[in-house]
Amino acid sequence: MNNERIHTLLENYWNCETSVSEERELQEFFNFGDVPDDLLPYTPLFAYKQNHQAMKLSCDFEKKLDTLIRRTDRQKQYITIKIFEPFLRIAASVILIAGIGVSVYFVARQNNRVFAETYNDPRAAIQQATSALEKLSKALRATEEASLKSLEQLDDLDLDWSEIDSLSTRIPLYDPDLSKNIKPENL
């Protein structure tokens, strides 16, 4: 075969301008012809294409794949996370209460003054009450922000509670017969 023709076909091949018959011609040249030294680097490409074009799936491939998929579905064991839902609610409540307690502690620590009742001077009593309410308001706002951040983090987990609830109907929490099938890495 003419080397100029092969070079032209290769240039057209790299520009995606060859026909199927021209590509076959290139494959035949690189697989069965006497390949010049300057074209030897292209030989593995066309040999690879020819070898892999000849590969076909067996007639029972789909059956084998289907049985493997079904087998792995039966082997999977799910543990429900529904038992954690009440704990998450309790944990959120504890965090909220702890946040309020910590904020009140730091507010009380910053202000060592003891508010005394001043029945004689109503303006001083109003100022002290206003100051105390402002500090309480700041503490509650800080606690609310911390609680909202915690709730946002829970929302970011993107848990589908309905899907988690449906898992509890599939597998009991403890079944001695299934316990030997459940591995710690599946938990």
C-alpha atoms as a PDB file:
ATOM      1  CA  MET A   1       0.000   0.000   0.000  1.00  0.00           C
ATOM      2  CA  ASN A   2       1.166   3.496  -0.757  1.00  0.00           C
ATOM      3  CA  ASN A   3       2.648   5.383   2.213  1.00  0.00           C
ATOM      4  CA  GLU A   4       1.252   8.671   0.949  1.00  0.00           C
ATOM      5  CA  ARG A   5      -2.227   7.151   0.944  1.00  0.00           C
ATOM      6  CA  ILE A   6      -1.754   5.912   4.532  1.00  0.00           C
ATOM      7  CA  HIS A   7      -0.530   9.343   5.663  1.00  0.00           C
ATOM      8  CA  THR A   8      -3.553  10.962   3.984  1.00  0.00           C
ATOM      9  CA  LEU A   9      -5.900   8.453   5.612  1.00  0.00           C
ATOM     10  CA  LEU A  10      -4.289   9.029   9.017  1.00  0.00           C
ATOM     11  CA  GLU A  11      -4.643  12.785   8.666  1.00  0.00           C
ATOM     12  CA  ASN A  12      -8.298  12.351   7.735  1.00  0.00           C
ATOM     13  CA  TYR A  13      -8.712   9.897  10.628  1.00  0.00           C
ATOM     14  CA  TRP A  14      -7.419  12.425  13.179  1.00  0.00           C
ATOM     15  CA  ASN A  15      -9.752  15.069  11.675  1.00  0.00           C
ATOM     16  CA  CYS A  16     -12.683  12.616  11.930  1.00  0.00           C
ATOM     17  CA  GLU A  17     -13.220  12.679   8.172  1.00  0.00           C
ATOM     18  CA  THR A  18     -12.702   9.001   7.294  1.00  0.00           C
ATOM     19  CA  SER A  19     -15.400   6.615   6.206  1.00  0.00           C
ATOM     20  CA  VAL A  20     -15.889   3.153   7.653  1.00  0.00           C
ATOM     21  CA  SER A  21     -14.191   1.535   4.670  1.00  0.00           C
ATOM     22  CA  GLU A  22     -11.178   3.848   5.023  1.00  0.00           C
ATOM     23  CA  GLU A  23     -10.890   2.971   8.704  1.00  0.00           C
ATOM     24  CA  ARG A  24     -10.978  -0.725   7.811  1.00  0.00           C
ATOM     25  CA  GLU A  25      -8.253  -0.067   5.293  1.00  0.00           C
ATOM     26  CA  LEU A  26      -6.144   1.540   8.041  1.00  0.00           C
ATOM     27  CA  GLN A  27      -6.789  -1.389  10.362  1.00  0.00           C
ATOM     28  CA  GLU A  28      -5.803  -3.925   7.736  1.00  0.00           C
ATOM     29  CA  PHE A  29      -2.645  -1.981   6.969  1.00  0.00           C
ATOM     30  CA  PHE A  30      -1.553  -1.717  10.606  1.00  0.00           C
ATOM     31  CA  ASN A  31      -2.525  -5.291  11.485  1.00  0.00           C
ATOM     32  CA  PHE A  32      -1.464  -7.223   8.409  1.00  0.00           C
ATOM     33  CA  GLY A  33       0.757  -4.955   6.317  1.00  0.00           C
ATOM     34  CA  ASP A  34       4.423  -4.126   6.426  1.00  0.00           C
ATOM     35  CA  VAL A  35       4.347  -1.018   8.671  1.00  0.00           C
ATOM     36  CA  PRO A  36       7.132   1.550   8.158  1.00  0.00           C
ATOM     37  CA  ASP A  37       9.131   2.704  11.183  1.00  0.00           C
ATOM     38  CA  ASP A  38       7.595   6.190  11.237  1.00  0.00           C
ATOM     39  CA  LEU A  39       4.084   4.683  11.530  1.00  0.00           C
ATOM     40  CA  LEU A  40       4.866   2.022  14.166  1.00  0.00           C
ATOM     41  CA  PRO A  41       3.547   4.150  17.084  1.00  0.00           C
ATOM     42  CA  TYR A  42       0.036   3.935  15.568  1.00  0.00           C
ATOM     43  CA  THR A  43      -0.013   0.140  15.386  1.00  0.00           C
ATOM     44  CA  PRO A  44      -1.243  -0.486  18.988  1.00  0.00           C
ATOM     45  CA  LEU A  45      -4.223   1.846  18.450  1.00  0.00           C
ATOM     46  CA  PHE A  46      -5.556  -0.043  15.465  1.00  0.00           C
ATOM     47  CA  ALA A  47      -4.712  -3.432  16.949  1.00  0.00           C
ATOM     48  CA  TYR A  48      -6.622  -2.476  20.097  1.00  0.00           C
ATOM     49  CA  LYS A  49      -9.651  -1.414  18.084  1.00  0.00           C
ATOM     50  CA  GLN A  50      -9.680  -4.633  16.095  1.00  0.00           C
ATOM     51  CA  ASN A  51      -9.291  -6.868  19.145  1.00  0.00           C
ATOM     52  CA  HIS A  52     -12.038  -5.118  21.077  1.00  0.00           C
ATOM     53  CA  GLN A  53     -14.443  -4.891  18.174  1.00  0.00           C
ATOM     54  CA  ALA A  54     -14.343  -8.664  17.948  1.00  0.00           C
ATOM     55  CA  MET A  55     -15.370  -9.054  21.619  1.00  0.00           C
ATOM     56  CA  LYS A  56     -19.027  -9.868  22.234  1.00  0.00           C
ATOM     57  CA  LEU A  57     -21.097 -10.635  25.302  1.00  0.00           C
ATOM     58  CA  SER A  58     -22.213 -14.181  25.860  1.00  0.00           C
ATOM     59  CA  CYS A  59     -25.867 -14.999  25.279  1.00  0.00           C
ATOM     60  CA  ASP A  60     -26.524 -15.640  28.973  1.00  0.00           C
ATOM     61  CA  PHE A  61     -24.771 -12.448  30.159  1.00  0.00           C
ATOM     62  CA  GLU A  62     -28.023 -10.732  31.165  1.00  0.00           C
ATOM     63  CA  LYS A  63     -29.171 -13.772  33.155  1.00  0.00           C
ATOM     64  CA  LYS A  64     -25.867 -13.937  35.030  1.00  0.00           C
ATOM     65  CA  LEU A  65     -25.966 -10.212  35.754  1.00  0.00           C
ATOM     66  CA  ASP A  66     -29.566 -10.402  36.938  1.00  0.00           C
ATOM     67  CA  THR A  67     -28.842 -13.305  39.320  1.00  0.00           C
ATOM     68  CA  LEU A  68     -25.802 -11.490  40.740  1.00  0.00           C
ATOM     69  CA  ILE A  69     -27.858  -8.352  41.361  1.00  0.00           C
ATOM     70  CA  ARG A  70     -30.618 -10.333  43.071  1.00  0.00           C
ATOM     71  CA  ARG A  71     -28.094 -12.219  45.190  1.00  0.00           C
ATOM     72  CA  THR A  72     -26.461  -9.021  46.441  1.00  0.00           C
ATOM     73  CA  ASP A  73     -29.895  -7.495  47.172  1.00  0.00           C
ATOM     74  CA  ARG A  74     -30.749 -10.440  49.410  1.00  0.00           C
ATOM     75  CA  GLN A  75     -27.412 -10.229  51.189  1.00  0.00           C
ATOM     76  CA  LYS A  76     -27.756  -6.551  52.084  1.00  0.00           C
ATOM     77  CA  GLN A  77     -28.962  -5.955  55.600  1.00  0.00           C
ATOM     78  CA  TYR A  78     -30.277  -2.616  56.755  1.00  0.00           C
ATOM     79  CA  ILE A  79     -30.316  -1.315  60.285  1.00  0.00           C
ATOM     80  CA  THR A  80     -32.981   1.240  61.005  1.00  0.00           C
ATOM     81  CA  ILE A  81     -32.011   4.683  62.146  1.00  0.00           C
ATOM     82  CA  LYS A  82     -35.471   5.292  63.555  1.00  0.00           C
ATOM     83  CA  ILE A  83     -34.128   4.464  67.005  1.00  0.00           C
ATOM     84  CA  PHE A  84     -31.884   7.531  66.728  1.00  0.00           C
ATOM     85  CA  GLU A  85     -34.728   9.958  65.962  1.00  0.00           C
ATOM     86  CA  PRO A  86     -35.829  10.415  69.610  1.00  0.00           C
ATOM     87  CA  PHE A  87     -32.190  10.756  70.633  1.00  0.00           C
ATOM     88  CA  LEU A  88     -31.701  13.513  68.059  1.00  0.00           C
ATOM     89  CA  ARG A  89     -34.697  15.382  69.443  1.00  0.00           C
ATOM     90  CA  ILE A  90     -33.446  14.962  72.994  1.00  0.00           C
ATOM     91  CA  ALA A  91     -29.953  16.057  71.959  1.00  0.00           C
ATOM     92  CA  ALA A  92     -31.338  19.178  70.277  1.00  0.00           C
ATOM     93  CA  SER A  93     -33.316  20.015  73.438  1.00  0.00           C
ATOM     94  CA  VAL A  94     -30.279  19.455  75.654  1.00  0.00           C
ATOM     95  CA  ILE A  95     -28.160  21.676  73.396  1.00  0.00           C
ATOM     96  CA  LEU A  96     -30.809  24.392  73.543  1.00  0.00           C
ATOM     97  CA  ILE A  97     -31.058  24.237  77.336  1.00  0.00           C
ATOM     98  CA  ALA A  98     -27.279  24.114  77.716  1.00  0.00           C
ATOM     99  CA  GLY A  99     -26.951  27.111  75.418  1.00  0.00           C
ATOM    100  CA  ILE A 100     -29.401  29.092  77.517  1.00  0.00           C
ATOM    101  CA  GLY A 101     -27.630  28.024  80.709  1.00  0.00           C
ATOM    102  CA  VAL A 102     -24.201  28.973  79.383  1.00  0.00           C
ATOM    103  CA  SER A 103     -25.411  32.330  78.119  1.00  0.00           C
ATOM    104  CA  VAL A 104     -27.093  33.121  81.445  1.00  0.00           C
ATOM    105  CA  TYR A 105     -23.927  32.073  83.276  1.00  0.00           C
ATOM    106  CA  PHE A 106     -21.725  34.380  81.215  1.00  0.00           C
ATOM    107  CA  VAL A 107     -24.176  37.264  81.499  1.00  0.00           C
ATOM    108  CA  ALA A 108     -24.281  36.841  85.273  1.00  0.00           C
ATOM    109  CA  ARG A 109     -20.494  36.591  85.404  1.00  0.00           C
ATOM    110  CA  GLN A 110     -20.002  39.776  83.388  1.00  0.00           C
ATOM    111  CA  ASN A 111     -22.352  41.738  85.539  1.00  0.00           C
ATOM    112  CA  ASN A 112     -21.361  41.312  89.176  1.00  0.00           C
ATOM    113  CA  ARG A 113     -23.673  44.050  90.332  1.00  0.00           C
ATOM    114  CA  VAL A 114     -26.671  42.982  92.279  1.00  0.00           C
ATOM    115  CA  PHE A 115     -29.805  44.768  91.272  1.00  0.00           C
ATOM    116  CA  ALA A 116     -31.331  46.284  94.360  1.00  0.00           C
ATOM    117  CA  GLU A 117     -34.874  47.334  94.621  1.00  0.00           C
ATOM    118  CA  THR A 118     -35.068  51.095  94.530  1.00  0.00           C
ATOM    119  CA  TYR A 119     -38.560  52.031  95.519  1.00  0.00           C
ATOM    120  CA  ASN A 120     -37.432  55.554  96.275  1.00  0.00           C
ATOM    121  CA  ASP A 121     -36.156  56.264  92.753  1.00  0.00           C
ATOM    122  CA  PRO A 122     -38.426  54.848  90.011  1.00  0.00           C
ATOM    123  CA  ARG A 123     -36.120  56.039  87.197  1.00  0.00           C
ATOM    124  CA  ALA A 124     -33.197  54.008  88.555  1.00  0.00           C
ATOM    125  CA  ALA A 125     -35.471  50.959  88.898  1.00  0.00           C
ATOM    126  CA  ILE A 126     -36.584  51.317  85.265  1.00  0.00           C
ATOM    127  CA  GLN A 127     -32.988  51.719  84.088  1.00  0.00           C
ATOM    128  CA  GLN A 128     -31.897  48.610  85.988  1.00  0.00           C
ATOM    129  CA  ALA A 129     -34.864  46.598  84.708  1.00  0.00           C
ATOM    130  CA  THR A 130     -34.201  47.780  81.144  1.00  0.00           C
ATOM    131  CA  SER A 131     -30.525  46.872  81.434  1.00  0.00           C
ATOM    132  CA  ALA A 132     -31.369  43.431  82.784  1.00  0.00           C
ATOM    133  CA  LEU A 133     -33.930  42.821  80.044  1.00  0.00           C
ATOM    134  CA  GLU A 134     -31.486  43.941  77.338  1.00  0.00           C
ATOM    135  CA  LYS A 135     -28.834  41.528  78.623  1.00  0.00           C
ATOM    136  CA  LEU A 136     -31.398  38.736  78.782  1.00  0.00           C
ATOM    137  CA  SER A 137     -32.504  39.581  75.247  1.00  0.00           C
ATOM    138  CA  LYS A 138     -28.894  39.428  73.980  1.00  0.00           C
ATOM    139  CA  ALA A 139     -28.398  36.074  75.686  1.00  0.00           C
ATOM    140  CA  LEU A 140     -31.604  34.678  74.197  1.00  0.00           C
ATOM    141  CA  ARG A 141     -30.655  35.937  70.710  1.00  0.00           C
ATOM    142  CA  ALA A 142     -27.245  34.283  70.985  1.00  0.00           C
ATOM    143  CA  THR A 143     -28.869  31.044  72.126  1.00  0.00           C
ATOM    144  CA  GLU A 144     -31.409  31.225  69.312  1.00  0.00           C
ATOM    145  CA  GLU A 145     -28.641  31.727  66.729  1.00  0.00           C
ATOM    146  CA  ALA A 146     -26.726  28.751  68.110  1.00  0.00           C
ATOM    147  CA  SER A 147     -29.889  26.634  68.003  1.00  0.00           C
ATOM    148  CA  LEU A 148     -30.649  27.696  64.430  1.00  0.00           C
ATOM    149  CA  LYS A 149     -27.114  26.793  63.367  1.00  0.00           C
ATOM    150  CA  SER A 150     -27.546  23.370  64.970  1.00  0.00           C
ATOM    151  CA  LEU A 151     -30.854  22.859  63.181  1.00  0.00           C
ATOM    152  CA  GLU A 152     -29.326  23.972  59.864  1.00  0.00           C
ATOM    153  CA  GLN A 153     -26.574  21.422  60.322  1.00  0.00           C
ATOM    154  CA  LEU A 154     -29.208  18.739  60.911  1.00  0.00           C
ATOM    155  CA  ASP A 155     -31.053  19.896  57.783  1.00  0.00           C
ATOM    156  CA  ASP A 156     -27.796  19.780  55.791  1.00  0.00           C
ATOM    157  CA  LEU A 157     -27.543  16.074  56.573  1.00  0.00           C
ATOM    158  CA  ASP A 158     -30.359  15.680  54.018  1.00  0.00           C
ATOM    159  CA  LEU A 159     -31.936  12.736  55.808  1.00  0.00           C
ATOM    160  CA  ASP A 160     -35.114  11.317  54.342  1.00  0.00           C
ATOM    161  CA  TRP A 161     -37.034  10.468  57.508  1.00  0.00           C
ATOM    162  CA  SER A 162     -39.817   8.719  55.613  1.00  0.00           C
ATOM    163  CA  GLU A 163     -37.265   6.404  53.984  1.00  0.00           C
ATOM    164  CA  ILE A 164     -35.647   5.776  57.352  1.00  0.00           C
ATOM    165  CA  ASP A 165     -39.048   5.016  58.909  1.00  0.00           C
ATOM    166  CA  SER A 166     -39.821   2.545  56.122  1.00  0.00           C
ATOM    167  CA  LEU A 167     -36.626   0.641  56.914  1.00  0.00           C
ATOM    168  CA  SER A 168     -37.933  -0.241  60.370  1.00  0.00           C
ATOM    169  CA  THR A 169     -40.731  -2.284  58.830  1.00  0.00           C
ATOM    170  CA  ARG A 170     -38.279  -4.376  56.798  1.00  0.00           C
ATOM    171  CA  ILE A 171     -35.846  -5.583  59.461  1.00  0.00           C
ATOM    172  CA  PRO A 172     -36.488  -6.002  63.183  1.00  0.00           C
ATOM    173  CA  LEU A 173     -34.132  -4.291  65.589  1.00  0.00           C
ATOM    174  CA  TYR A 174     -32.740  -7.588  66.860  1.00  0.00           C
ATOM    175  CA  ASP A 175     -33.216 -11.027  65.393  1.00  0.00           C
ATOM    176  CA  PRO A 176     -30.814 -13.732  66.612  1.00  0.00           C
ATOM    177  CA  ASP A 177     -31.045 -15.520  63.256  1.00  0.00           C
ATOM    178  CA  LEU A 178     -30.011 -12.378  61.348  1.00  0.00           C
ATOM    179  CA  SER A 179     -27.328 -11.242  63.801  1.00  0.00           C
ATOM    180  CA  LYS A 180     -24.733 -13.579  62.332  1.00  0.00           C
ATOM    181  CA  ASN A 181     -25.397 -12.082  58.866  1.00  0.00           C
ATOM    182  CA  ILE A 182     -25.054  -8.455  60.002  1.00  0.00           C
ATOM    183  CA  LYS A 183     -21.468  -7.330  59.965  1.00  0.00           C
ATOM    184  CA  PRO A 184     -20.186  -4.307  61.883  1.00  0.00           C
ATOM    185  CA  GLU A 185     -19.079  -2.552  58.698  1.00  0.00           C
ATOM    186  CA  ASN A 186     -22.711  -2.645  57.443  1.00  0.00           C
ATOM    187  CA  LEU A 187     -23.901  -0.856  60.552  1.00  0.00           C
END
